[in-house]
Amino acid sequence: MVIFVLVWTLFSLFVTGFGYQPWWLFAVIMLWGLVVVLPIIFDSYWTIERTHISATILSDRFFEKFSQLLKHDMKEKVNYSDITLITIRYIAKVETSPWDFWRDELVLDLVTNANTTIRLPVSVPASTFLPQLIMFLQRQHIDVEDPQGIVDKLLLGENLHDKFHEK
C-alpha cells in the first residue's frame, strides 16, 4: 500500500505539472487516487498453511473495502480441525452483451464447526492446483463435495467456461 501511495503521489505531481497547477487540483487528484483507485487494485486472497487456511476477505462494497484496507481488519484464520465441509462451486454468469467482461466464479465454500460459511475465490487457473488441494484436504480429514464434477472436468482437460455455458 505504501508503494501505491508513493507511485500515485508521483503520478499526481506529474499530472498537475509538479506544482504548476493550483494545489487544490493536486489534492483532488491525490484524494481520488486514494479513495477510488486504491480499493480497485486489491482483491481477496487466501493461502494454505501447514495447520490452517489464512483468508484475507475484502468486501465487494467500495467504501467498506476502503475502510478494511485502512483498518487492516480482513484476515481470518481457519484451522483444518475447524472445517467440517468444503464445497467446490462454479458460478456461471449470464452474459448479457458482447461487452460483458465479468468472469465466472470458481469458489470454495468452507463450512466451519461454528456453522459459518467462508467463501474463498479461486482466481488462478484451477487446473494447476485444485486436484492436489482436494487430495490434501481429504488427508486432513475434511469432507469435500463436488456436486458439479469440477475436479473430474479439470482432470479430463475440459474448459470449465465452455462446459457451463453450453446451450
Foldseek 3Di string as FASTA:
>chain_A
DVVQLVVQLVVLCVVCVVCPHDPVSSVVSSVCCLQPVVLVVDAKAWDDDPFWIKTQHADPDRNSNSVCVVVVPRIDIGGLVFWAEKEWDWAQDDDPDPPDPDGIWIWIWTQTNVRDTDIHTDDPPCLVPVVVVVVVSVVSVHHYHYPPCPNVCSVVVHDPNCVVPPD
